[in-house]
Amino acid sequence: MGRLLLKFDDAVLREVSLGSRAVTIGRAPDNDIPIDNLAVSNYHARIYTEAGRLVIEDLNSLNGTFVNDQRVERAALHDGDTIVVGKHHIVVDESHDAALPLDPGRKVVAPKVDETMVLDTKQRREMLQLAVDAGERSQLAPSRMRVPALKVLSGKTDQKEYVLSSKLTVIGKSEMATVRLRGWFAPDVAAQINKREDGYYLGRADRVPKVNGQPITGLTRLNDGDLIEVDGVQLNFLYRD
């Protein structure tokens, strides 16, 4: 079933089992993983299973959620990944069950104040380096249709977010490219994304892209939260609600 390990520095503070229901993270005492730290929002993030994959979603927190030092809104999780929330780390361990299962009757200390403080540490500033130009995040309206988009996490492009409104999305330096790469050595067509009836597929062209750190060998179906790397640019594939 797996577990999540809440850590501060090198000390393990809590073990929570991974199951069928979502695991919530935040400063409010009714979270599954309550973190009594002013850098953590009351309802900071949640982890859940979707289509057989473990996914983390940031809940519009003030200080952000990071996976392996990359700021994310939604991302797929894998065994060994490290999530940073405020000054705490949460390690994904899918190989072992929790030795200390979550106690529904646990007593927790209510937060001392309601307002989340902005975390200003060297570690956070370094992690935010990749996302400093990302701009204000959008509020997601539940009544809207799910719209696929690419959010730029790092690298030189002409925009910071792209809505995938066409059947073909070209990533490259070409004038026909949707995602325009900048730089002298950027190829005209580095990769492309094709819309099919069952979803969106990433294909290689002049470069070999990576999805969640793994080079693709052919057309690869993209899932909500996937991290794409191509020609020095990191993109987060998201479905906007």
Protein backbone atom coordinates (compact mmCIF):
# COMPACT_ATOMS: atom_id res chain seq x y z
CA MET A 1 0.00 0.00 0.00
CA GLY A 2 2.89 2.39 0.72
CA ARG A 3 3.35 5.30 3.09
CA LEU A 4 4.27 8.96 3.39
CA LEU A 5 7.04 9.99 5.80
CA LEU A 6 6.78 13.50 7.24
CA LYS A 7 10.28 14.70 8.13
CA PHE A 8 11.85 17.77 9.66
CA ASP A 9 15.60 17.87 9.09
CA ASP A 10 16.51 14.18 9.50
CA ALA A 11 13.83 13.29 12.05
CA VAL A 12 10.71 11.35 11.02
CA LEU A 13 7.73 13.03 12.68
CA ARG A 14 4.92 10.97 11.25
CA GLU A 15 4.05 8.01 9.00
CA VAL A 16 0.79 7.98 7.06
CA SER A 17 -0.53 5.07 5.03
CA LEU A 18 -1.37 5.49 1.37
CA GLY A 19 -4.78 4.12 0.52
CA SER A 20 -7.80 4.72 -1.64
CA ARG A 21 -8.76 8.04 -0.06
CA ALA A 22 -6.97 11.35 -0.51
CA VAL A 23 -4.38 12.51 2.04
CA THR A 24 -4.61 16.20 2.90
CA ILE A 25 -1.68 18.32 4.07
CA GLY A 26 -1.89 21.65 5.88
CA ARG A 27 -1.76 23.66 9.09
CA ALA A 28 -5.41 23.13 10.01
CA PRO A 29 -5.81 20.34 12.59
CA ASP A 30 -8.31 18.33 10.52
CA ASN A 31 -5.72 17.50 7.84
CA ASP A 32 -4.40 13.94 7.53
CA ILE A 33 -0.90 15.39 7.80
CA PRO A 34 -1.20 18.46 10.05
CA ILE A 35 1.94 20.61 10.09
CA ASP A 36 2.07 23.23 12.82
CA ASN A 37 4.22 25.73 10.94
CA LEU A 38 3.24 29.24 9.88
CA ALA A 39 4.81 28.75 6.44
CA VAL A 40 2.17 26.10 5.69
CA SER A 41 -1.30 27.13 4.51
CA ASN A 42 -4.35 25.83 6.37
CA TYR A 43 -5.12 23.52 3.44
CA HIS A 44 -1.86 23.40 1.56
CA ALA A 45 -1.95 20.32 -0.71
CA ARG A 46 -3.50 16.90 -1.18
CA ILE A 47 -2.25 13.54 -2.45
CA TYR A 48 -4.62 11.13 -4.17
CA THR A 49 -4.75 8.24 -6.61
CA GLU A 50 -5.96 8.89 -10.15
CA ALA A 51 -6.02 6.26 -12.91
CA GLY A 52 -3.66 4.08 -10.88
CA ARG A 53 -1.14 6.88 -10.36
CA LEU A 54 -0.25 8.81 -7.22
CA VAL A 55 -0.78 12.55 -7.77
CA ILE A 56 -0.09 15.63 -5.65
CA GLU A 57 -2.09 18.84 -6.10
CA ASP A 58 -1.26 22.20 -4.58
CA LEU A 59 -4.35 23.89 -3.12
CA ASN A 60 -3.36 27.43 -4.07
CA SER A 61 -1.00 27.65 -1.11
CA LEU A 62 0.89 30.85 -0.34
CA ASN A 63 4.41 29.38 -0.30
CA GLY A 64 3.91 26.67 -2.91
CA THR A 65 4.44 22.91 -3.11
CA PHE A 66 7.67 21.45 -4.46
CA VAL A 67 8.45 17.96 -5.78
CA ASN A 68 12.16 17.19 -6.05
CA ASP A 69 12.89 20.96 -5.87
CA GLN A 70 10.46 21.83 -8.70
CA ARG A 71 7.41 23.92 -7.92
CA VAL A 72 4.25 22.19 -9.14
CA GLU A 73 0.50 22.71 -9.22
CA ARG A 74 -0.19 19.05 -10.00
CA ALA A 75 2.35 16.32 -10.59
CA ALA A 76 2.63 12.56 -10.66
CA LEU A 77 4.50 11.07 -7.70
CA HIS A 78 6.90 8.14 -7.73
CA ASP A 79 8.65 6.02 -5.13
CA GLY A 80 11.43 8.04 -3.49
CA ASP A 81 10.10 11.49 -4.46
CA THR A 82 10.53 14.26 -1.90
CA ILE A 83 7.78 16.82 -1.38
CA VAL A 84 8.68 20.11 0.30
CA VAL A 85 5.93 21.95 2.18
CA GLY A 86 7.17 24.94 4.13
CA LYS A 87 10.23 23.72 6.02
CA HIS A 88 9.07 20.10 6.15
CA HIS A 89 9.76 17.22 3.78
CA ILE A 90 7.40 14.39 2.86
CA VAL A 91 9.04 11.32 1.35
CA VAL A 92 7.03 8.92 -0.84
CA ASP A 93 7.74 5.30 0.10
CA GLU A 94 5.71 2.85 -1.96
CA SER A 95 7.77 -0.17 -0.83
CA HIS A 96 6.75 -0.23 2.84
CA ASP A 97 3.56 0.14 4.86
CA ALA A 98 3.29 2.67 7.63
CA ALA A 99 4.54 1.36 10.96
CA LEU A 100 2.49 4.01 12.75
CA PRO A 101 -0.91 4.17 11.02
CA LEU A 102 -2.92 7.35 11.17
CA ASP A 103 -4.97 7.52 14.36
CA PRO A 104 -8.39 9.03 13.67
CA GLY A 105 -8.71 9.94 17.34
CA ARG A 106 -5.43 11.77 17.57
CA LYS A 107 -5.26 15.03 19.49
CA VAL A 108 -3.75 17.96 17.67
CA VAL A 109 -2.91 21.49 18.68
CA ALA A 110 -4.87 24.14 16.82
CA PRO A 111 -2.84 26.72 14.89
CA LYS A 112 -1.89 29.75 16.95
CA VAL A 113 -2.82 32.18 14.19
CA ASP A 114 -4.96 31.97 11.07
CA GLU A 115 -2.69 33.89 8.74
CA THR A 116 0.00 32.05 6.79
CA MET A 117 3.40 33.74 6.82
CA VAL A 118 5.54 33.97 3.71
CA LEU A 119 8.49 31.64 4.05
CA ASP A 120 11.73 33.44 3.25
CA THR A 121 14.63 31.02 3.44
CA LYS A 122 17.62 30.38 1.21
CA GLN A 123 16.25 26.95 0.28
CA ARG A 124 12.88 28.36 -0.81
CA ARG A 125 14.53 31.17 -2.78
CA GLU A 126 16.63 28.62 -4.65
CA MET A 127 13.60 26.44 -5.42
CA LEU A 128 11.61 29.47 -6.57
CA GLN A 129 14.39 30.39 -9.01
CA LEU A 130 12.77 28.18 -11.63
CA ALA A 131 9.31 29.62 -11.04
CA VAL A 132 10.09 33.28 -10.40
CA ASP A 133 8.63 34.41 -13.74
CA ALA A 134 5.60 32.15 -13.59
CA GLY A 135 3.27 35.02 -12.59
CA GLU A 136 0.11 34.86 -10.56
CA ARG A 137 -1.58 31.48 -10.56
CA SER A 138 -5.14 31.28 -11.82
CA GLN A 139 -8.14 30.51 -9.68
CA LEU A 140 -9.73 27.32 -10.93
CA ALA A 141 -13.49 27.42 -11.44
CA PRO A 142 -15.08 23.98 -10.94
CA SER A 143 -17.87 24.74 -13.40
CA ARG A 144 -15.50 25.17 -16.35
CA MET A 145 -14.42 22.45 -18.76
CA ARG A 146 -11.04 20.84 -18.25
CA VAL A 147 -8.61 22.57 -20.59
CA PRO A 148 -5.17 21.08 -21.31
CA ALA A 149 -2.26 23.46 -20.86
CA LEU A 150 1.53 23.56 -20.66
CA LYS A 151 3.03 25.63 -17.86
CA VAL A 152 6.69 26.59 -18.24
CA LEU A 153 8.70 25.75 -15.11
CA SER A 154 12.12 26.72 -16.48
CA GLY A 155 13.86 27.52 -19.75
CA LYS A 156 13.56 30.18 -22.45
CA THR A 157 10.19 30.42 -24.18
CA ASP A 158 8.03 33.25 -25.51
CA GLN A 159 5.26 32.66 -22.93
CA LYS A 160 4.91 31.16 -19.48
CA GLU A 161 1.79 29.10 -20.18
CA TYR A 162 0.16 27.69 -23.30
CA VAL A 163 -3.39 26.41 -23.78
CA LEU A 164 -3.50 23.38 -26.10
CA SER A 165 -6.36 24.41 -28.37
CA SER A 166 -5.19 22.72 -31.59
CA LYS A 167 -4.80 19.11 -32.66
CA LEU A 168 -1.07 19.68 -33.16
CA THR A 169 1.19 21.57 -30.76
CA VAL A 170 4.72 22.15 -32.04
CA ILE A 171 7.58 22.85 -29.62
CA GLY A 172 10.52 24.56 -31.29
CA LYS A 173 12.01 27.70 -32.76
CA SER A 174 9.98 27.62 -35.98
CA GLU A 175 7.46 30.37 -36.66
CA MET A 176 4.78 27.67 -36.82
CA ALA A 177 5.61 26.50 -33.29
CA THR A 178 3.02 26.95 -30.55
CA VAL A 179 5.68 26.76 -27.83
CA ARG A 180 8.40 29.04 -29.20
CA LEU A 181 11.85 28.16 -27.89
CA ARG A 182 14.44 30.89 -27.59
CA GLY A 183 18.17 30.45 -28.04
CA TRP A 184 20.66 30.22 -30.89
CA PHE A 185 20.82 26.45 -30.92
CA ALA A 186 17.13 25.67 -30.45
CA PRO A 187 15.82 23.41 -33.27
CA ASP A 188 12.94 24.41 -35.51
CA VAL A 189 10.91 21.45 -34.24
CA ALA A 190 12.15 19.92 -30.98
CA ALA A 191 9.00 17.87 -30.25
CA GLN A 192 5.27 17.90 -30.86
CA ILE A 193 2.05 17.05 -29.05
CA ASN A 194 -0.81 15.41 -30.95
CA LYS A 195 -4.42 15.44 -29.82
CA ARG A 196 -6.21 12.11 -30.24
CA GLU A 197 -9.60 10.84 -29.20
CA ASP A 198 -8.20 9.31 -26.01
CA GLY A 199 -5.88 12.14 -25.01
CA TYR A 200 -2.69 14.04 -25.83
CA TYR A 201 0.49 12.32 -27.03
CA LEU A 202 4.05 13.66 -26.97
CA GLY A 203 6.27 12.70 -29.90
CA ARG A 204 9.94 13.26 -30.60
CA ALA A 205 11.37 15.25 -33.53
CA ASP A 206 14.84 16.85 -33.50
CA ARG A 207 15.20 16.17 -29.77
CA VAL A 208 14.39 13.28 -27.43
CA PRO A 209 12.04 14.65 -24.77
CA LYS A 210 11.74 13.25 -21.26
CA VAL A 211 8.51 12.62 -19.37
CA ASN A 212 8.89 12.48 -15.58
CA GLY A 213 12.65 12.11 -16.05
CA GLN A 214 12.49 9.23 -18.55
CA PRO A 215 13.40 9.64 -22.27
CA ILE A 216 10.53 8.65 -24.53
CA THR A 217 11.04 6.10 -27.32
CA GLY A 218 7.85 6.84 -29.29
CA LEU A 219 4.48 8.51 -28.95
CA THR A 220 3.78 8.82 -25.21
CA ARG A 221 0.36 9.60 -23.75
CA LEU A 222 0.45 12.56 -21.36
CA ASN A 223 -1.29 12.46 -18.01
CA ASP A 224 -2.37 15.34 -15.80
CA GLY A 225 0.68 16.53 -13.85
CA ASP A 226 3.37 15.03 -16.11
CA LEU A 227 6.69 16.88 -16.23
CA ILE A 228 8.15 17.30 -19.73
CA GLU A 229 11.77 18.19 -20.48
CA VAL A 230 12.87 19.15 -23.99
CA ASP A 231 15.88 21.17 -25.16
CA GLY A 232 16.51 22.72 -21.76
CA VAL A 233 12.88 23.65 -21.14
CA GLN A 234 10.76 22.10 -18.37
CA LEU A 235 7.00 22.04 -18.84
CA ASN A 236 4.15 20.90 -16.59
CA PHE A 237 1.25 19.29 -18.51
CA LEU A 238 -1.97 20.23 -16.71
CA TYR A 239 -5.70 20.05 -17.12
CA ARG A 240 -7.22 23.36 -16.06
CA ASP A 241 -10.70 23.00 -14.57
